[in-house]
Each structure stands twice: as structure tokens, then as C-alpha cells.
Amino acid sequence: MIARILFLPIGILLGTVLARKVGANAFEKGWAGSRGTLPPTATTERATWPEVVGAAALRGSIIAVTAAAFTRLGASTFRYLFGYWPGEKSPAPAPQLRQRSE
């Protein structure tokens, strides 16, 4: 429990702040490199619905993957330095599976 509390500021910094900046930057560079323009936003008038929704989905996916990678790296480093894993040991069973086994 104490490991989770100690890891909280590290996880917030790596998993949200830094990962969001790195992921958004990677997305914008990739979009500009492939399309030659900046990615459209919801209020970009001359962008089509598929472009706007696709850009939003791609941006969200890239940021989520980057956040997971940065958080995992931080947790692995935390365990290496302090000897404790800051999260759960294994995923909890899904609620519908838990009800069947009871």
C-alpha cells in the first residue's frame, strides 16, 4: 500500500503529463508528415467527418499507448530502485466471471 502512495506522484508525472506531451507531439508530427497539414479539430470547417473522427481516435490511441508505456517504465524503475511493485500483482477477474464461480 505504501508503494502505491509513493509511486502516485511518479505515475501522475510520467503517465499523464509527460506521456500526453510526447504522444501529442508524435501524433502531430506523424499526421503532418503523412498528410502535409496539421490534424483537424472538431471545429475545422473544411475537414470531413471521417477526418475529424479519425484524427481524434488516432490521437487518443497514441496518447493512451504512450501513457501506458511511460507508466509501466516508471513502475519497473520503481521496483528496481525500491524492491516493491507499486500496482496490483495480477488483473482482477471480470465481474461476470466472478459471479459464475460463486
PDB file of N, CA and C in Angstrom:
ATOM      1  N   MET A   1       0.820  -1.194   0.000  1.00  0.00           N
ATOM      2  CA  MET A   1       0.000   0.000   0.000  1.00  0.00           C
ATOM      3  C   MET A   1       0.868   1.262   0.000  1.00  0.00           C
ATOM      4  N   ILE A   2       1.924   1.240   0.789  1.00  0.00           N
ATOM      5  CA  ILE A   2       2.791   2.412   0.859  1.00  0.00           C
ATOM      6  C   ILE A   2       3.498   2.633  -0.476  1.00  0.00           C
ATOM      7  N   ALA A   3       3.780   1.530  -1.199  1.00  0.00           N
ATOM      8  CA  ALA A   3       4.424   1.665  -2.510  1.00  0.00           C
ATOM      9  C   ALA A   3       3.524   2.414  -3.476  1.00  0.00           C
ATOM     10  N   ARG A   4       2.218   2.149  -3.420  1.00  0.00           N
ATOM     11  CA  ARG A   4       1.279   2.866  -4.289  1.00  0.00           C
ATOM     12  C   ARG A   4       1.271   4.355  -3.979  1.00  0.00           C
ATOM     13  N   ILE A   5       1.311   4.688  -2.707  1.00  0.00           N
ATOM     14  CA  ILE A   5       1.298   6.102  -2.316  1.00  0.00           C
ATOM     15  C   ILE A   5       2.586   6.789  -2.762  1.00  0.00           C
ATOM     16  N   LEU A   6       3.710   6.115  -2.596  1.00  0.00           N
ATOM     17  CA  LEU A   6       4.983   6.698  -3.022  1.00  0.00           C
ATOM     18  C   LEU A   6       5.077   6.817  -4.540  1.00  0.00           C
ATOM     19  N   PHE A   7       4.455   5.881  -5.260  1.00  0.00           N
ATOM     20  CA  PHE A   7       4.519   5.891  -6.719  1.00  0.00           C
ATOM     21  C   PHE A   7       3.540   6.888  -7.333  1.00  0.00           C
ATOM     22  N   LEU A   8       2.542   7.319  -6.608  1.00  0.00           N
ATOM     23  CA  LEU A   8       1.491   8.183  -7.149  1.00  0.00           C
ATOM     24  C   LEU A   8       2.028   9.421  -7.861  1.00  0.00           C
ATOM     25  N   PRO A   9       2.910  10.235  -7.259  1.00  0.00           N
ATOM     26  CA  PRO A   9       3.407  11.401  -7.995  1.00  0.00           C
ATOM     27  C   PRO A   9       4.228  11.028  -9.229  1.00  0.00           C
ATOM     28  N   ILE A  10       4.963   9.924  -9.148  1.00  0.00           N
ATOM     29  CA  ILE A  10       5.745   9.473 -10.306  1.00  0.00           C
ATOM     30  C   ILE A  10       4.811   9.045 -11.425  1.00  0.00           C
ATOM     31  N   GLY A  11       3.780   8.297 -11.080  1.00  0.00           N
ATOM     32  CA  GLY A  11       2.814   7.840 -12.072  1.00  0.00           C
ATOM     33  C   GLY A  11       2.061   8.975 -12.722  1.00  0.00           C
ATOM     34  N   ILE A  12       1.700   9.978 -11.933  1.00  0.00           N
ATOM     35  CA  ILE A  12       0.992  11.135 -12.488  1.00  0.00           C
ATOM     36  C   ILE A  12       1.901  11.896 -13.435  1.00  0.00           C
ATOM     37  N   LEU A  13       3.131  12.119 -13.027  1.00  0.00           N
ATOM     38  CA  LEU A  13       4.060  12.863 -13.875  1.00  0.00           C
ATOM     39  C   LEU A  13       4.346  12.118 -15.174  1.00  0.00           C
ATOM     40  N   LEU A  14       4.659  10.834 -15.071  1.00  0.00           N
ATOM     41  CA  LEU A  14       5.005  10.060 -16.269  1.00  0.00           C
ATOM     42  C   LEU A  14       3.781   9.716 -17.110  1.00  0.00           C
ATOM     43  N   GLY A  15       2.746   9.214 -16.461  1.00  0.00           N
ATOM     44  CA  GLY A  15       1.597   8.691 -17.182  1.00  0.00           C
ATOM     45  C   GLY A  15       0.655   9.718 -17.745  1.00  0.00           C
ATOM     46  N   THR A  16       0.639  10.901 -17.203  1.00  0.00           N
ATOM     47  CA  THR A  16      -0.298  11.901 -17.723  1.00  0.00           C
ATOM     48  C   THR A  16       0.421  13.086 -18.342  1.00  0.00           C
ATOM     49  N   VAL A  17       1.234  13.747 -17.592  1.00  0.00           N
ATOM     50  CA  VAL A  17       1.839  14.993 -18.067  1.00  0.00           C
ATOM     51  C   VAL A  17       2.830  14.732 -19.198  1.00  0.00           C
ATOM     52  N   LEU A  18       3.856  13.967 -18.924  1.00  0.00           N
ATOM     53  CA  LEU A  18       4.917  13.744 -19.906  1.00  0.00           C
ATOM     54  C   LEU A  18       4.426  12.905 -21.087  1.00  0.00           C
ATOM     55  N   ALA A  19       3.689  11.847 -20.811  1.00  0.00           N
ATOM     56  CA  ALA A  19       3.206  10.980 -21.892  1.00  0.00           C
ATOM     57  C   ALA A  19       2.249  11.716 -22.812  1.00  0.00           C
ATOM     58  N   ARG A  20       1.418  12.579 -22.259  1.00  0.00           N
ATOM     59  CA  ARG A  20       0.483  13.334 -23.098  1.00  0.00           C
ATOM     60  C   ARG A  20       1.236  14.254 -24.055  1.00  0.00           C
ATOM     61  N   LYS A  21       2.260  14.920 -23.547  1.00  0.00           N
ATOM     62  CA  LYS A  21       3.041  15.814 -24.408  1.00  0.00           C
ATOM     63  C   LYS A  21       3.779  15.035 -25.488  1.00  0.00           C
ATOM     64  N   VAL A  22       4.415  13.936 -25.107  1.00  0.00           N
ATOM     65  CA  VAL A  22       5.164  13.136 -26.077  1.00  0.00           C
ATOM     66  C   VAL A  22       4.219  12.516 -27.101  1.00  0.00           C
ATOM     67  N   GLY A  23       3.098  11.963 -26.647  1.00  0.00           N
ATOM     68  CA  GLY A  23       2.139  11.341 -27.555  1.00  0.00           C
ATOM     69  C   GLY A  23       1.511  12.332 -28.509  1.00  0.00           C
ATOM     70  N   ALA A  24       1.113  13.495 -28.003  1.00  0.00           N
ATOM     71  CA  ALA A  24       0.512  14.518 -28.866  1.00  0.00           C
ATOM     72  C   ALA A  24       1.522  15.022 -29.887  1.00  0.00           C
ATOM     73  N   ASN A  25       2.757  15.205 -29.466  1.00  0.00           N
ATOM     74  CA  ASN A  25       3.801  15.659 -30.385  1.00  0.00           C
ATOM     75  C   ASN A  25       4.060  14.612 -31.469  1.00  0.00           C
ATOM     76  N   ALA A  26       4.121  13.351 -31.086  1.00  0.00           N
ATOM     77  CA  ALA A  26       4.335  12.277 -32.066  1.00  0.00           C
ATOM     78  C   ALA A  26       3.174  12.211 -33.051  1.00  0.00           C
ATOM     79  N   PHE A  27       1.947  12.357 -32.548  1.00  0.00           N
ATOM     80  CA  PHE A  27       0.777  12.328 -33.429  1.00  0.00           C
ATOM     81  C   PHE A  27       0.808  13.478 -34.426  1.00  0.00           C
ATOM     82  N   GLU A  28       1.067  14.682 -33.937  1.00  0.00           N
ATOM     83  CA  GLU A  28       1.066  15.843 -34.829  1.00  0.00           C
ATOM     84  C   GLU A  28       2.172  15.753 -35.878  1.00  0.00           C
ATOM     85  N   LYS A  29       3.343  15.282 -35.488  1.00  0.00           N
ATOM     86  CA  LYS A  29       4.427  15.125 -36.467  1.00  0.00           C
ATOM     87  C   LYS A  29       4.092  14.043 -37.486  1.00  0.00           C
ATOM     88  N   GLY A  30       3.527  12.946 -37.022  1.00  0.00           N
ATOM     89  CA  GLY A  30       3.143  11.871 -37.931  1.00  0.00           C
ATOM     90  C   GLY A  30       2.044  12.295 -38.890  1.00  0.00           C
ATOM     91  N   TRP A  31       1.048  13.015 -38.377  1.00  0.00           N
ATOM     92  CA  TRP A  31      -0.046  13.492 -39.224  1.00  0.00           C
ATOM     93  C   TRP A  31       0.482  14.490 -40.252  1.00  0.00           C
ATOM     94  N   ALA A  32       1.292  15.420 -39.807  1.00  0.00           N
ATOM     95  CA  ALA A  32       1.840  16.425 -40.727  1.00  0.00           C
ATOM     96  C   ALA A  32       2.743  15.769 -41.768  1.00  0.00           C
ATOM     97  N   GLY A  33       3.481  14.750 -41.375  1.00  0.00           N
ATOM     98  CA  GLY A  33       4.352  14.066 -42.320  1.00  0.00           C
ATOM     99  C   GLY A  33       3.590  13.274 -43.368  1.00  0.00           C
ATOM    100  N   SER A  34       2.461  12.701 -42.974  1.00  0.00           N
ATOM    101  CA  SER A  34       1.713  11.878 -43.923  1.00  0.00           C
ATOM    102  C   SER A  34       0.688  12.673 -44.725  1.00  0.00           C
ATOM    103  N   ARG A  35       0.096  13.697 -44.131  1.00  0.00           N
ATOM    104  CA  ARG A  35      -0.959  14.454 -44.803  1.00  0.00           C
ATOM    105  C   ARG A  35      -0.503  15.819 -45.304  1.00  0.00           C
ATOM    106  N   GLY A  36       0.582  16.327 -44.761  1.00  0.00           N
ATOM    107  CA  GLY A  36       1.071  17.637 -45.180  1.00  0.00           C
ATOM    108  C   GLY A  36       0.353  18.806 -44.537  1.00  0.00           C
ATOM    109  N   THR A  37      -0.546  18.534 -43.586  1.00  0.00           N
ATOM    110  CA  THR A  37      -1.276  19.584 -42.871  1.00  0.00           C
ATOM    111  C   THR A  37      -1.299  19.242 -41.390  1.00  0.00           C
ATOM    112  N   LEU A  38      -1.702  20.207 -40.595  1.00  0.00           N
ATOM    113  CA  LEU A  38      -1.924  19.931 -39.182  1.00  0.00           C
ATOM    114  C   LEU A  38      -3.191  19.094 -39.040  1.00  0.00           C
ATOM    115  N   PRO A  39      -3.310  18.301 -37.976  1.00  0.00           N
ATOM    116  CA  PRO A  39      -4.511  17.482 -37.814  1.00  0.00           C
ATOM    117  C   PRO A  39      -5.746  18.357 -37.598  1.00  0.00           C
ATOM    118  N   PRO A  40      -6.897  17.958 -38.145  1.00  0.00           N
ATOM    119  CA  PRO A  40      -8.104  18.754 -37.965  1.00  0.00           C
ATOM    120  C   PRO A  40      -8.655  18.616 -36.551  1.00  0.00           C
ATOM    121  N   THR A  41      -9.326  19.658 -36.105  1.00  0.00           N
ATOM    122  CA  THR A  41     -10.045  19.608 -34.836  1.00  0.00           C
ATOM    123  C   THR A  41     -11.534  19.549 -35.146  1.00  0.00           C
ATOM    124  N   ALA A  42     -12.345  19.447 -34.133  1.00  0.00           N
ATOM    125  CA  ALA A  42     -13.790  19.359 -34.336  1.00  0.00           C
ATOM    126  C   ALA A  42     -14.353  20.625 -34.967  1.00  0.00           C
ATOM    127  N   THR A  43     -13.657  21.736 -34.836  1.00  0.00           N
ATOM    128  CA  THR A  43     -14.159  22.998 -35.386  1.00  0.00           C
ATOM    129  C   THR A  43     -13.463  23.409 -36.675  1.00  0.00           C
ATOM    130  N   THR A  44     -12.680  22.520 -37.282  1.00  0.00           N
ATOM    131  CA  THR A  44     -12.062  22.814 -38.570  1.00  0.00           C
ATOM    132  C   THR A  44     -13.139  22.692 -39.643  1.00  0.00           C
ATOM    133  N   GLU A  45     -13.480  23.810 -40.272  1.00  0.00           N
ATOM    134  CA  GLU A  45     -14.635  23.854 -41.172  1.00  0.00           C
ATOM    135  C   GLU A  45     -14.476  22.963 -42.396  1.00  0.00           C
ATOM    136  N   ARG A  46     -13.336  22.969 -43.014  1.00  0.00           N
ATOM    137  CA  ARG A  46     -13.162  22.245 -44.283  1.00  0.00           C
ATOM    138  C   ARG A  46     -12.684  20.803 -44.104  1.00  0.00           C
ATOM    139  N   ALA A  47     -12.768  20.284 -42.926  1.00  0.00           N
ATOM    140  CA  ALA A  47     -12.415  18.883 -42.684  1.00  0.00           C
ATOM    141  C   ALA A  47     -13.690  18.040 -42.711  1.00  0.00           C
ATOM    142  N   THR A  48     -13.577  16.842 -43.248  1.00  0.00           N
ATOM    143  CA  THR A  48     -14.737  15.954 -43.299  1.00  0.00           C
ATOM    144  C   THR A  48     -14.920  15.251 -41.951  1.00  0.00           C
ATOM    145  N   TRP A  49     -16.109  14.691 -41.760  1.00  0.00           N
ATOM    146  CA  TRP A  49     -16.379  13.950 -40.536  1.00  0.00           C
ATOM    147  C   TRP A  49     -15.381  12.811 -40.338  1.00  0.00           C
ATOM    148  N   PRO A  50     -15.133  11.986 -41.353  1.00  0.00           N
ATOM    149  CA  PRO A  50     -14.164  10.899 -41.147  1.00  0.00           C
ATOM    150  C   PRO A  50     -12.766  11.394 -40.773  1.00  0.00           C
ATOM    151  N   GLU A  51     -12.345  12.521 -41.336  1.00  0.00           N
ATOM    152  CA  GLU A  51     -11.030  13.067 -40.979  1.00  0.00           C
ATOM    153  C   GLU A  51     -10.990  13.492 -39.519  1.00  0.00           C
ATOM    154  N   VAL A  52     -12.023  14.198 -39.083  1.00  0.00           N
ATOM    155  CA  VAL A  52     -12.058  14.704 -37.703  1.00  0.00           C
ATOM    156  C   VAL A  52     -12.137  13.549 -36.708  1.00  0.00           C
ATOM    157  N   VAL A  53     -13.051  12.613 -36.951  1.00  0.00           N
ATOM    158  CA  VAL A  53     -13.218  11.489 -36.026  1.00  0.00           C
ATOM    159  C   VAL A  53     -11.992  10.573 -36.063  1.00  0.00           C
ATOM    160  N   GLY A  54     -11.461  10.340 -37.247  1.00  0.00           N
ATOM    161  CA  GLY A  54     -10.257   9.516 -37.364  1.00  0.00           C
ATOM    162  C   GLY A  54      -9.062  10.140 -36.669  1.00  0.00           C
ATOM    163  N   ALA A  55      -8.901  11.450 -36.830  1.00  0.00           N
ATOM    164  CA  ALA A  55      -7.789  12.140 -36.169  1.00  0.00           C
ATOM    165  C   ALA A  55      -7.933  12.072 -34.653  1.00  0.00           C
ATOM    166  N   ALA A  56      -9.156  12.254 -34.156  1.00  0.00           N
ATOM    167  CA  ALA A  56      -9.380  12.197 -32.707  1.00  0.00           C
ATOM    168  C   ALA A  56      -9.119  10.790 -32.164  1.00  0.00           C
ATOM    169  N   ALA A  57      -9.585   9.774 -32.889  1.00  0.00           N
ATOM    170  CA  ALA A  57      -9.369   8.393 -32.445  1.00  0.00           C
ATOM    171  C   ALA A  57      -7.882   8.037 -32.465  1.00  0.00           C
ATOM    172  N   LEU A  58      -7.201   8.438 -33.517  1.00  0.00           N
ATOM    173  CA  LEU A  58      -5.771   8.147 -33.624  1.00  0.00           C
ATOM    174  C   LEU A  58      -4.980   8.873 -32.539  1.00  0.00           C
ATOM    175  N   ARG A  59      -5.327  10.138 -32.301  1.00  0.00           N
ATOM    176  CA  ARG A  59      -4.651  10.905 -31.247  1.00  0.00           C
ATOM    177  C   ARG A  59      -4.860  10.246 -29.885  1.00  0.00           C
ATOM    178  N   GLY A  60      -6.097   9.883 -29.592  1.00  0.00           N
ATOM    179  CA  GLY A  60      -6.394   9.240 -28.311  1.00  0.00           C
ATOM    180  C   GLY A  60      -5.665   7.919 -28.134  1.00  0.00           C
ATOM    181  N   SER A  61      -5.608   7.140 -29.199  1.00  0.00           N
ATOM    182  CA  SER A  61      -4.911   5.851 -29.138  1.00  0.00           C
ATOM    183  C   SER A  61      -3.420   6.034 -28.889  1.00  0.00           C
ATOM    184  N   ILE A  62      -2.822   6.959 -29.599  1.00  0.00           N
ATOM    185  CA  ILE A  62      -1.381   7.194 -29.439  1.00  0.00           C
ATOM    186  C   ILE A  62      -1.069   7.695 -28.034  1.00  0.00           C
ATOM    187  N   ILE A  63      -1.879   8.603 -27.521  1.00  0.00           N
ATOM    188  CA  ILE A  63      -1.645   9.123 -26.175  1.00  0.00           C
ATOM    189  C   ILE A  63      -1.856   8.031 -25.132  1.00  0.00           C
ATOM    190  N   ALA A  64      -2.870   7.175 -25.306  1.00  0.00           N
ATOM    191  CA  ALA A  64      -3.116   6.092 -24.349  1.00  0.00           C
ATOM    192  C   ALA A  64      -1.968   5.084 -24.335  1.00  0.00           C
ATOM    193  N   VAL A  65      -1.472   4.730 -25.505  1.00  0.00           N
ATOM    194  CA  VAL A  65      -0.351   3.785 -25.583  1.00  0.00           C
ATOM    195  C   VAL A  65       0.905   4.397 -24.974  1.00  0.00           C
ATOM    196  N   THR A  66       1.149   5.663 -25.257  1.00  0.00           N
ATOM    197  CA  THR A  66       2.315   6.343 -24.692  1.00  0.00           C
ATOM    198  C   THR A  66       2.208   6.423 -23.172  1.00  0.00           C
ATOM    199  N   ALA A  67       1.014   6.733 -22.661  1.00  0.00           N
ATOM    200  CA  ALA A  67       0.815   6.811 -21.213  1.00  0.00           C
ATOM    201  C   ALA A  67       1.044   5.453 -20.558  1.00  0.00           C
ATOM    202  N   ALA A  68       0.536   4.385 -21.167  1.00  0.00           N
ATOM    203  CA  ALA A  68       0.740   3.046 -20.607  1.00  0.00           C
ATOM    204  C   ALA A  68       2.223   2.676 -20.599  1.00  0.00           C
ATOM    205  N   ALA A  69       2.921   2.992 -21.677  1.00  0.00           N
ATOM    206  CA  ALA A  69       4.348   2.670 -21.755  1.00  0.00           C
ATOM    207  C   ALA A  69       5.152   3.452 -20.722  1.00  0.00           C
ATOM    208  N   PHE A  70       4.857   4.734 -20.564  1.00  0.00           N
ATOM    209  CA  PHE A  70       5.593   5.556 -19.603  1.00  0.00           C
ATOM    210  C   PHE A  70       5.291   5.115 -18.174  1.00  0.00           C
ATOM    211  N   THR A  71       4.031   4.801 -17.873  1.00  0.00           N
ATOM    212  CA  THR A  71       3.670   4.359 -16.534  1.00  0.00           C
ATOM    213  C   THR A  71       4.323   3.018 -16.220  1.00  0.00           C
ATOM    214  N   ARG A  72       4.329   2.115 -17.192  1.00  0.00           N
ATOM    215  CA  ARG A  72       4.962   0.807 -16.994  1.00  0.00           C
ATOM    216  C   ARG A  72       6.460   0.963 -16.764  1.00  0.00           C
ATOM    217  N   LEU A  73       7.098   1.835 -17.525  1.00  0.00           N
ATOM    218  CA  LEU A  73       8.521   2.099 -17.338  1.00  0.00           C
ATOM    219  C   LEU A  73       8.783   2.667 -15.942  1.00  0.00           C
ATOM    220  N   GLY A  74       7.932   3.581 -15.498  1.00  0.00           N
ATOM    221  CA  GLY A  74       8.081   4.143 -14.162  1.00  0.00           C
ATOM    222  C   GLY A  74       7.900   3.098 -13.075  1.00  0.00           C
ATOM    223  N   ALA A  75       6.911   2.202 -13.248  1.00  0.00           N
ATOM    224  CA  ALA A  75       6.678   1.148 -12.261  1.00  0.00           C
ATOM    225  C   ALA A  75       7.850   0.168 -12.215  1.00  0.00           C
ATOM    226  N   SER A  76       8.385  -0.172 -13.377  1.00  0.00           N
ATOM    227  CA  SER A  76       9.540  -1.079 -13.418  1.00  0.00           C
ATOM    228  C   SER A  76      10.763  -0.446 -12.756  1.00  0.00           C
ATOM    229  N   THR A  77      10.976   0.828 -13.004  1.00  0.00           N
ATOM    230  CA  THR A  77      12.092   1.538 -12.381  1.00  0.00           C
ATOM    231  C   THR A  77      11.889   1.638 -10.878  1.00  0.00           C
ATOM    232  N   PHE A  78      10.648   1.892 -10.444  1.00  0.00           N
ATOM    233  CA  PHE A  78      10.322   1.964  -9.021  1.00  0.00           C
ATOM    234  C   PHE A  78      10.644   0.633  -8.345  1.00  0.00           C
ATOM    235  N   ARG A  79      10.247  -0.478  -8.973  1.00  0.00           N
ATOM    236  CA  ARG A  79      10.539  -1.793  -8.390  1.00  0.00           C
ATOM    237  C   ARG A  79      12.048  -2.043  -8.346  1.00  0.00           C
ATOM    238  N   TYR A  80      12.758  -1.650  -9.375  1.00  0.00           N
ATOM    239  CA  TYR A  80      14.208  -1.834  -9.412  1.00  0.00           C
ATOM    240  C   TYR A  80      14.877  -1.056  -8.276  1.00  0.00           C
ATOM    241  N   LEU A  81      14.426   0.177  -8.038  1.00  0.00           N
ATOM    242  CA  LEU A  81      15.052   1.023  -7.020  1.00  0.00           C
ATOM    243  C   LEU A  81      14.648   0.647  -5.600  1.00  0.00           C
ATOM    244  N   PHE A  82      13.354   0.311  -5.389  1.00  0.00           N
ATOM    245  CA  PHE A  82      12.847   0.124  -4.030  1.00  0.00           C
ATOM    246  C   PHE A  82      12.456  -1.311  -3.691  1.00  0.00           C
ATOM    247  N   GLY A  83      12.378  -2.184  -4.680  1.00  0.00           N
ATOM    248  CA  GLY A  83      12.058  -3.579  -4.413  1.00  0.00           C
ATOM    249  C   GLY A  83      10.587  -3.893  -4.271  1.00  0.00           C
ATOM    250  N   TYR A  84       9.707  -2.951  -4.547  1.00  0.00           N
ATOM    251  CA  TYR A  84       8.264  -3.170  -4.431  1.00  0.00           C
ATOM    252  C   TYR A  84       7.576  -2.778  -5.728  1.00  0.00           C
ATOM    253  N   TRP A  85       6.621  -3.595  -6.150  1.00  0.00           N
ATOM    254  CA  TRP A  85       5.821  -3.256  -7.323  1.00  0.00           C
ATOM    255  C   TRP A  85       4.693  -2.332  -6.860  1.00  0.00           C
ATOM    256  N   PRO A  86       4.515  -1.172  -7.494  1.00  0.00           N
ATOM    257  CA  PRO A  86       3.549  -0.194  -6.999  1.00  0.00           C
ATOM    258  C   PRO A  86       2.091  -0.480  -7.355  1.00  0.00           C
ATOM    259  N   GLY A  87       1.817  -1.501  -8.104  1.00  0.00           N
ATOM    260  CA  GLY A  87       0.435  -1.791  -8.509  1.00  0.00           C
ATOM    261  C   GLY A  87       0.001  -3.168  -8.064  1.00  0.00           C
ATOM    262  N   GLU A  88      -1.066  -3.639  -8.681  1.00  0.00           N
ATOM    263  CA  GLU A  88      -1.568  -4.967  -8.345  1.00  0.00           C
ATOM    264  C   GLU A  88      -0.700  -6.038  -9.001  1.00  0.00           C
ATOM    265  N   LYS A  89      -0.700  -7.220  -8.416  1.00  0.00           N
ATOM    266  CA  LYS A  89       0.145  -8.309  -8.916  1.00  0.00           C
ATOM    267  C   LYS A  89      -0.420  -8.937 -10.187  1.00  0.00           C
ATOM    268  N   SER A  90      -1.725  -9.086 -10.254  1.00  0.00           N
ATOM    269  CA  SER A  90      -2.368  -9.645 -11.446  1.00  0.00           C
ATOM    270  C   SER A  90      -3.733  -8.982 -11.599  1.00  0.00           C
ATOM    271  N   PRO A  91      -4.287  -8.973 -12.812  1.00  0.00           N
ATOM    272  CA  PRO A  91      -5.580  -8.336 -13.005  1.00  0.00           C
ATOM    273  C   PRO A  91      -6.685  -9.086 -12.266  1.00  0.00           C
ATOM    274  N   ALA A  92      -7.655  -8.344 -11.785  1.00  0.00           N
ATOM    275  CA  ALA A  92      -8.802  -8.942 -11.107  1.00  0.00           C
ATOM    276  C   ALA A  92      -9.693  -9.620 -12.147  1.00  0.00           C
ATOM    277  N   PRO A  93     -10.392 -10.689 -11.764  1.00  0.00           N
ATOM    278  CA  PRO A  93     -11.289 -11.331 -12.721  1.00  0.00           C
ATOM    279  C   PRO A  93     -12.452 -10.408 -13.082  1.00  0.00           C
ATOM    280  N   ALA A  94     -12.969 -10.596 -14.277  1.00  0.00           N
ATOM    281  CA  ALA A  94     -14.098  -9.791 -14.734  1.00  0.00           C
ATOM    282  C   ALA A  94     -15.311 -10.069 -13.847  1.00  0.00           C
ATOM    283  N   PRO A  95     -16.189  -9.070 -13.629  1.00  0.00           N
ATOM    284  CA  PRO A  95     -17.342  -9.258 -12.733  1.00  0.00           C
ATOM    285  C   PRO A  95     -18.222 -10.445 -13.125  1.00  0.00           C
ATOM    286  N   GLN A  96     -18.492 -10.653 -14.419  1.00  0.00           N
ATOM    287  CA  GLN A  96     -19.358 -11.760 -14.811  1.00  0.00           C
ATOM    288  C   GLN A  96     -18.703 -13.108 -14.523  1.00  0.00           C
ATOM    289  N   LEU A  97     -17.392 -13.194 -14.579  1.00  0.00           N
ATOM    290  CA  LEU A  97     -16.709 -14.440 -14.253  1.00  0.00           C
ATOM    291  C   LEU A  97     -16.700 -14.685 -12.754  1.00  0.00           C
ATOM    292  N   ARG A  98     -16.616 -13.645 -11.981  1.00  0.00           N
ATOM    293  CA  ARG A  98     -16.634 -13.766 -10.529  1.00  0.00           C
ATOM    294  C   ARG A  98     -17.980 -14.306 -10.060  1.00  0.00           C
ATOM    295  N   GLN A  99     -19.077 -13.862 -10.671  1.00  0.00           N
ATOM    296  CA  GLN A  99     -20.412 -14.301 -10.267  1.00  0.00           C
ATOM    297  C   GLN A  99     -20.630 -15.773 -10.595  1.00  0.00           C
ATOM    298  N   ARG A 100     -20.101 -16.247 -11.706  1.00  0.00           N
ATOM    299  CA  ARG A 100     -20.282 -17.648 -12.093  1.00  0.00           C
ATOM    300  C   ARG A 100     -19.576 -18.597 -11.139  1.00  0.00           C
ATOM    301  N   SER A 101     -18.437 -18.188 -10.628  1.00  0.00           N
ATOM    302  CA  SER A 101     -17.666 -19.087  -9.777  1.00  0.00           C
ATOM    303  C   SER A 101     -18.203 -19.161  -8.356  1.00  0.00           C
ATOM    304  N   GLU A 102     -19.086 -18.274  -7.996  1.00  0.00           N
ATOM    305  CA  GLU A 102     -19.615 -18.276  -6.615  1.00  0.00           C
ATOM    306  C   GLU A 102     -20.754 -19.238  -6.449  1.00  0.00           C
TER     307      GLU A 102
END
